[in-house]
Amino acid sequence: MITCYLSYQIDPTQVAAFEAYGKSWIALVEKYGGQHHGYFLPHEGPNDLATAAFSFESLAAYEEYREKIKTDADCVAAFEFAEKTGCIKRYDRYFMRPVFEGDAGAVADF
């Protein structure tokens, strides 16, 4: 499994627009086989930072998703919405391998 983390610099006057954008992508990622872990919007601290995370079974599955969203009408509409509203100033995308299962004895076994 691979998890994509997105760090956004958003327009603080467009948080509601960014939230609408995020809600649309949760469904769209899941439409193409991903598991979305949510969007996280500013609450306390910097008012122009937001994050999101979603996972796919493999990097190949993620790359297939990236190809499909280029022609999906709902995905194109979401991209155009972000452009029109200016809610996203910039973003960074990076990938990490998640650890979801705990093991209290893991350090003893190491």
N, C-alpha and C. Protein backbone atom coordinates (compact mmCIF):
# COMPACT_ATOMS: atom_id res chain seq x y z
N MET A 1 0.85 -1.18 0.00
CA MET A 1 0.00 0.00 0.00
C MET A 1 0.89 1.23 0.00
N ILE A 2 0.42 2.26 -0.70
CA ILE A 2 1.13 3.54 -0.75
C ILE A 2 0.15 4.65 -0.40
N THR A 3 0.58 5.59 0.42
CA THR A 3 -0.28 6.70 0.82
C THR A 3 0.29 7.99 0.27
N CYS A 4 -0.58 8.73 -0.39
CA CYS A 4 -0.24 10.04 -0.92
C CYS A 4 -0.66 11.09 0.09
N TYR A 5 0.28 11.91 0.49
CA TYR A 5 0.01 13.04 1.38
C TYR A 5 0.09 14.31 0.57
N LEU A 6 -0.87 15.17 0.76
CA LEU A 6 -0.89 16.46 0.08
C LEU A 6 -0.85 17.56 1.13
N SER A 7 0.04 18.49 0.93
CA SER A 7 0.14 19.67 1.78
C SER A 7 -0.21 20.86 0.90
N TYR A 8 -1.21 21.61 1.31
CA TYR A 8 -1.71 22.73 0.52
C TYR A 8 -1.43 24.06 1.19
N GLN A 9 -1.09 25.04 0.39
CA GLN A 9 -1.20 26.43 0.83
C GLN A 9 -2.48 26.92 0.17
N ILE A 10 -3.43 27.34 0.99
CA ILE A 10 -4.73 27.75 0.47
C ILE A 10 -4.94 29.24 0.69
N ASP A 11 -5.90 29.78 -0.02
CA ASP A 11 -6.31 31.17 0.19
C ASP A 11 -7.21 31.19 1.43
N PRO A 12 -6.81 31.87 2.51
CA PRO A 12 -7.61 31.85 3.74
C PRO A 12 -9.00 32.46 3.58
N THR A 13 -9.23 33.20 2.51
CA THR A 13 -10.57 33.74 2.26
C THR A 13 -11.43 32.76 1.47
N GLN A 14 -10.83 31.63 1.09
CA GLN A 14 -11.54 30.64 0.26
C GLN A 14 -11.60 29.26 0.94
N VAL A 15 -11.60 29.22 2.26
CA VAL A 15 -11.61 27.94 2.96
C VAL A 15 -12.88 27.15 2.62
N ALA A 16 -14.02 27.81 2.54
CA ALA A 16 -15.27 27.11 2.20
C ALA A 16 -15.19 26.50 0.80
N ALA A 17 -14.59 27.22 -0.14
CA ALA A 17 -14.42 26.68 -1.49
C ALA A 17 -13.47 25.49 -1.47
N PHE A 18 -12.38 25.60 -0.69
CA PHE A 18 -11.45 24.49 -0.60
C PHE A 18 -12.12 23.27 0.03
N GLU A 19 -12.97 23.49 1.03
CA GLU A 19 -13.68 22.37 1.64
C GLU A 19 -14.59 21.68 0.62
N ALA A 20 -15.28 22.45 -0.21
CA ALA A 20 -16.12 21.86 -1.25
C ALA A 20 -15.27 21.05 -2.23
N TYR A 21 -14.12 21.60 -2.60
CA TYR A 21 -13.17 20.90 -3.47
C TYR A 21 -12.76 19.57 -2.84
N GLY A 22 -12.39 19.60 -1.56
CA GLY A 22 -11.97 18.39 -0.86
C GLY A 22 -13.06 17.34 -0.80
N LYS A 23 -14.27 17.77 -0.50
CA LYS A 23 -15.39 16.82 -0.43
C LYS A 23 -15.60 16.12 -1.77
N SER A 24 -15.41 16.85 -2.85
CA SER A 24 -15.59 16.21 -4.16
C SER A 24 -14.50 15.17 -4.41
N TRP A 25 -13.26 15.45 -4.00
CA TRP A 25 -12.17 14.51 -4.24
C TRP A 25 -12.24 13.27 -3.36
N ILE A 26 -12.84 13.36 -2.20
CA ILE A 26 -12.99 12.16 -1.38
C ILE A 26 -13.76 11.11 -2.17
N ALA A 27 -14.88 11.51 -2.75
CA ALA A 27 -15.69 10.57 -3.54
C ALA A 27 -14.96 10.13 -4.81
N LEU A 28 -14.24 11.04 -5.44
CA LEU A 28 -13.57 10.70 -6.70
C LEU A 28 -12.41 9.74 -6.49
N VAL A 29 -11.65 9.90 -5.44
CA VAL A 29 -10.57 8.95 -5.14
C VAL A 29 -11.16 7.57 -4.90
N GLU A 30 -12.24 7.51 -4.14
CA GLU A 30 -12.86 6.23 -3.83
C GLU A 30 -13.49 5.60 -5.08
N LYS A 31 -13.98 6.43 -6.00
CA LYS A 31 -14.53 5.94 -7.27
C LYS A 31 -13.50 5.12 -8.03
N TYR A 32 -12.24 5.49 -7.92
CA TYR A 32 -11.17 4.82 -8.66
C TYR A 32 -10.35 3.87 -7.79
N GLY A 33 -10.93 3.40 -6.69
CA GLY A 33 -10.32 2.33 -5.91
C GLY A 33 -9.40 2.77 -4.79
N GLY A 34 -9.30 4.05 -4.54
CA GLY A 34 -8.47 4.53 -3.44
C GLY A 34 -9.25 4.59 -2.14
N GLN A 35 -8.54 4.71 -1.06
CA GLN A 35 -9.14 4.91 0.26
C GLN A 35 -8.73 6.30 0.73
N HIS A 36 -9.70 7.18 0.86
CA HIS A 36 -9.39 8.55 1.29
C HIS A 36 -9.38 8.61 2.80
N HIS A 37 -8.42 9.34 3.34
CA HIS A 37 -8.29 9.48 4.80
C HIS A 37 -8.73 10.87 5.26
N GLY A 38 -9.21 11.69 4.34
CA GLY A 38 -9.79 12.97 4.70
C GLY A 38 -8.93 14.16 4.36
N TYR A 39 -9.59 15.30 4.44
CA TYR A 39 -8.95 16.60 4.31
C TYR A 39 -8.93 17.22 5.69
N PHE A 40 -7.89 17.98 5.96
CA PHE A 40 -7.73 18.61 7.26
C PHE A 40 -7.53 20.10 7.02
N LEU A 41 -8.50 20.88 7.50
CA LEU A 41 -8.55 22.31 7.23
C LEU A 41 -8.03 23.11 8.42
N PRO A 42 -7.64 24.35 8.18
CA PRO A 42 -7.13 25.18 9.27
C PRO A 42 -8.16 25.33 10.40
N HIS A 43 -7.66 25.26 11.61
CA HIS A 43 -8.51 25.49 12.78
C HIS A 43 -7.81 26.48 13.72
N GLU A 44 -6.67 26.05 14.26
CA GLU A 44 -5.82 26.95 15.03
C GLU A 44 -4.44 26.88 14.41
N GLY A 45 -3.72 27.94 14.46
CA GLY A 45 -2.41 28.00 13.82
C GLY A 45 -2.54 28.69 12.48
N PRO A 46 -1.63 28.38 11.55
CA PRO A 46 -1.67 29.06 10.25
C PRO A 46 -3.03 28.87 9.55
N ASN A 47 -3.55 29.95 9.02
CA ASN A 47 -4.87 29.89 8.39
C ASN A 47 -4.81 29.60 6.89
N ASP A 48 -3.60 29.33 6.38
CA ASP A 48 -3.47 29.06 4.95
C ASP A 48 -2.88 27.69 4.65
N LEU A 49 -2.89 26.79 5.64
CA LEU A 49 -2.36 25.44 5.44
C LEU A 49 -3.47 24.40 5.61
N ALA A 50 -3.48 23.42 4.70
CA ALA A 50 -4.42 22.30 4.77
C ALA A 50 -3.68 21.06 4.30
N THR A 51 -4.19 19.90 4.68
CA THR A 51 -3.57 18.64 4.25
C THR A 51 -4.66 17.64 3.86
N ALA A 52 -4.23 16.61 3.16
CA ALA A 52 -5.11 15.50 2.79
C ALA A 52 -4.25 14.26 2.65
N ALA A 53 -4.87 13.11 2.76
CA ALA A 53 -4.16 11.85 2.58
C ALA A 53 -5.11 10.81 2.00
N PHE A 54 -4.59 10.00 1.09
CA PHE A 54 -5.35 8.88 0.56
C PHE A 54 -4.38 7.78 0.14
N SER A 55 -4.89 6.56 0.10
CA SER A 55 -4.05 5.40 -0.20
C SER A 55 -4.59 4.61 -1.39
N PHE A 56 -3.65 3.97 -2.08
CA PHE A 56 -3.95 3.00 -3.11
C PHE A 56 -3.14 1.75 -2.82
N GLU A 57 -3.57 0.63 -3.39
CA GLU A 57 -2.88 -0.64 -3.13
C GLU A 57 -1.42 -0.62 -3.53
N SER A 58 -1.11 0.15 -4.57
CA SER A 58 0.26 0.20 -5.07
C SER A 58 0.49 1.51 -5.81
N LEU A 59 1.73 1.79 -6.10
CA LEU A 59 2.05 2.97 -6.89
C LEU A 59 1.47 2.82 -8.29
N ALA A 60 1.46 1.61 -8.82
CA ALA A 60 0.87 1.36 -10.15
C ALA A 60 -0.63 1.69 -10.15
N ALA A 61 -1.34 1.32 -9.09
CA ALA A 61 -2.77 1.63 -8.99
C ALA A 61 -2.98 3.14 -8.91
N TYR A 62 -2.11 3.82 -8.18
CA TYR A 62 -2.18 5.28 -8.10
C TYR A 62 -1.94 5.90 -9.48
N GLU A 63 -0.96 5.41 -10.21
CA GLU A 63 -0.66 5.96 -11.54
C GLU A 63 -1.82 5.72 -12.50
N GLU A 64 -2.49 4.59 -12.38
CA GLU A 64 -3.67 4.31 -13.20
C GLU A 64 -4.79 5.31 -12.88
N TYR A 65 -4.99 5.58 -11.59
CA TYR A 65 -5.95 6.59 -11.15
C TYR A 65 -5.61 7.95 -11.77
N ARG A 66 -4.33 8.33 -11.73
CA ARG A 66 -3.91 9.63 -12.27
C ARG A 66 -4.24 9.76 -13.76
N GLU A 67 -4.14 8.67 -14.49
CA GLU A 67 -4.48 8.69 -15.92
C GLU A 67 -5.99 8.83 -16.11
N LYS A 68 -6.76 8.10 -15.34
CA LYS A 68 -8.22 8.11 -15.50
C LYS A 68 -8.84 9.45 -15.14
N ILE A 69 -8.28 10.15 -14.16
CA ILE A 69 -8.90 11.41 -13.74
C ILE A 69 -8.72 12.52 -14.77
N LYS A 70 -7.80 12.34 -15.71
CA LYS A 70 -7.59 13.36 -16.74
C LYS A 70 -8.80 13.52 -17.65
N THR A 71 -9.60 12.45 -17.79
CA THR A 71 -10.74 12.50 -18.71
C THR A 71 -12.08 12.33 -18.01
N ASP A 72 -12.09 12.13 -16.71
CA ASP A 72 -13.33 12.01 -15.96
C ASP A 72 -13.96 13.40 -15.80
N ALA A 73 -15.22 13.54 -16.22
CA ALA A 73 -15.88 14.85 -16.21
C ALA A 73 -15.94 15.46 -14.81
N ASP A 74 -16.21 14.66 -13.78
CA ASP A 74 -16.28 15.18 -12.42
C ASP A 74 -14.91 15.64 -11.91
N CYS A 75 -13.87 14.91 -12.29
CA CYS A 75 -12.51 15.29 -11.89
C CYS A 75 -12.09 16.58 -12.58
N VAL A 76 -12.37 16.68 -13.86
CA VAL A 76 -12.05 17.89 -14.61
C VAL A 76 -12.80 19.08 -14.00
N ALA A 77 -14.07 18.88 -13.64
CA ALA A 77 -14.86 19.95 -13.02
C ALA A 77 -14.24 20.38 -11.69
N ALA A 78 -13.74 19.43 -10.91
CA ALA A 78 -13.11 19.77 -9.62
C ALA A 78 -11.84 20.59 -9.84
N PHE A 79 -11.01 20.19 -10.82
CA PHE A 79 -9.80 20.96 -11.13
C PHE A 79 -10.17 22.38 -11.56
N GLU A 80 -11.18 22.49 -12.42
CA GLU A 80 -11.60 23.81 -12.91
C GLU A 80 -12.17 24.67 -11.78
N PHE A 81 -12.88 24.04 -10.83
CA PHE A 81 -13.42 24.77 -9.68
C PHE A 81 -12.29 25.38 -8.86
N ALA A 82 -11.25 24.61 -8.60
CA ALA A 82 -10.11 25.11 -7.83
C ALA A 82 -9.44 26.27 -8.56
N GLU A 83 -9.31 26.13 -9.86
CA GLU A 83 -8.71 27.20 -10.66
C GLU A 83 -9.57 28.46 -10.62
N LYS A 84 -10.88 28.29 -10.80
CA LYS A 84 -11.81 29.43 -10.84
C LYS A 84 -11.85 30.17 -9.50
N THR A 85 -11.88 29.43 -8.40
CA THR A 85 -12.00 30.06 -7.09
C THR A 85 -10.66 30.55 -6.54
N GLY A 86 -9.57 29.99 -7.04
CA GLY A 86 -8.26 30.36 -6.52
C GLY A 86 -8.04 29.88 -5.10
N CYS A 87 -8.78 28.84 -4.70
CA CYS A 87 -8.68 28.36 -3.31
C CYS A 87 -7.33 27.70 -3.00
N ILE A 88 -6.65 27.20 -4.03
CA ILE A 88 -5.35 26.56 -3.83
C ILE A 88 -4.28 27.45 -4.44
N LYS A 89 -3.31 27.83 -3.59
CA LYS A 89 -2.19 28.65 -4.08
C LYS A 89 -1.05 27.76 -4.55
N ARG A 90 -0.81 26.69 -3.83
CA ARG A 90 0.21 25.70 -4.21
C ARG A 90 -0.01 24.43 -3.41
N TYR A 91 0.59 23.35 -3.88
CA TYR A 91 0.51 22.10 -3.13
C TYR A 91 1.76 21.27 -3.36
N ASP A 92 2.04 20.41 -2.41
CA ASP A 92 3.13 19.44 -2.50
C ASP A 92 2.54 18.07 -2.31
N ARG A 93 3.02 17.13 -3.09
CA ARG A 93 2.55 15.74 -3.02
C ARG A 93 3.74 14.86 -2.69
N TYR A 94 3.57 13.98 -1.71
CA TYR A 94 4.62 13.03 -1.40
C TYR A 94 3.98 11.72 -0.97
N PHE A 95 4.77 10.66 -1.05
CA PHE A 95 4.27 9.31 -0.82
C PHE A 95 5.00 8.66 0.34
N MET A 96 4.23 7.95 1.15
CA MET A 96 4.79 7.24 2.29
C MET A 96 4.12 5.88 2.40
N ARG A 97 4.79 4.97 3.07
CA ARG A 97 4.25 3.64 3.31
C ARG A 97 3.66 3.63 4.71
N PRO A 98 2.34 3.37 4.83
CA PRO A 98 1.71 3.44 6.15
C PRO A 98 1.97 2.18 6.99
N VAL A 99 1.92 2.36 8.29
CA VAL A 99 1.92 1.27 9.26
C VAL A 99 0.61 1.41 10.02
N PHE A 100 -0.31 0.48 9.83
CA PHE A 100 -1.64 0.56 10.44
C PHE A 100 -1.82 -0.40 11.61
N GLU A 101 -1.00 -1.43 11.70
CA GLU A 101 -1.19 -2.43 12.74
C GLU A 101 -0.16 -2.26 13.85
N GLY A 102 -0.63 -2.25 15.08
CA GLY A 102 0.26 -2.13 16.22
C GLY A 102 0.77 -3.47 16.70
N ASP A 103 1.91 -3.45 17.38
CA ASP A 103 2.49 -4.65 17.97
C ASP A 103 3.30 -4.20 19.18
N ALA A 104 2.73 -4.38 20.38
CA ALA A 104 3.38 -3.92 21.60
C ALA A 104 4.75 -4.57 21.81
N GLY A 105 4.98 -5.73 21.24
CA GLY A 105 6.26 -6.41 21.39
C GLY A 105 7.24 -6.15 20.26
N ALA A 106 6.93 -5.26 19.36
CA ALA A 106 7.77 -5.04 18.18
C ALA A 106 9.21 -4.69 18.54
N VAL A 107 9.40 -3.85 19.53
CA VAL A 107 10.77 -3.46 19.87
C VAL A 107 11.53 -4.60 20.53
N ALA A 108 10.81 -5.45 21.26
CA ALA A 108 11.47 -6.60 21.89
C ALA A 108 11.93 -7.61 20.83
N ASP A 109 11.17 -7.71 19.74
CA ASP A 109 11.50 -8.63 18.65
C ASP A 109 12.60 -8.10 17.76
N PHE A 110 12.89 -6.82 17.85
CA PHE A 110 13.87 -6.18 17.00
C PHE A 110 15.25 -6.59 17.43
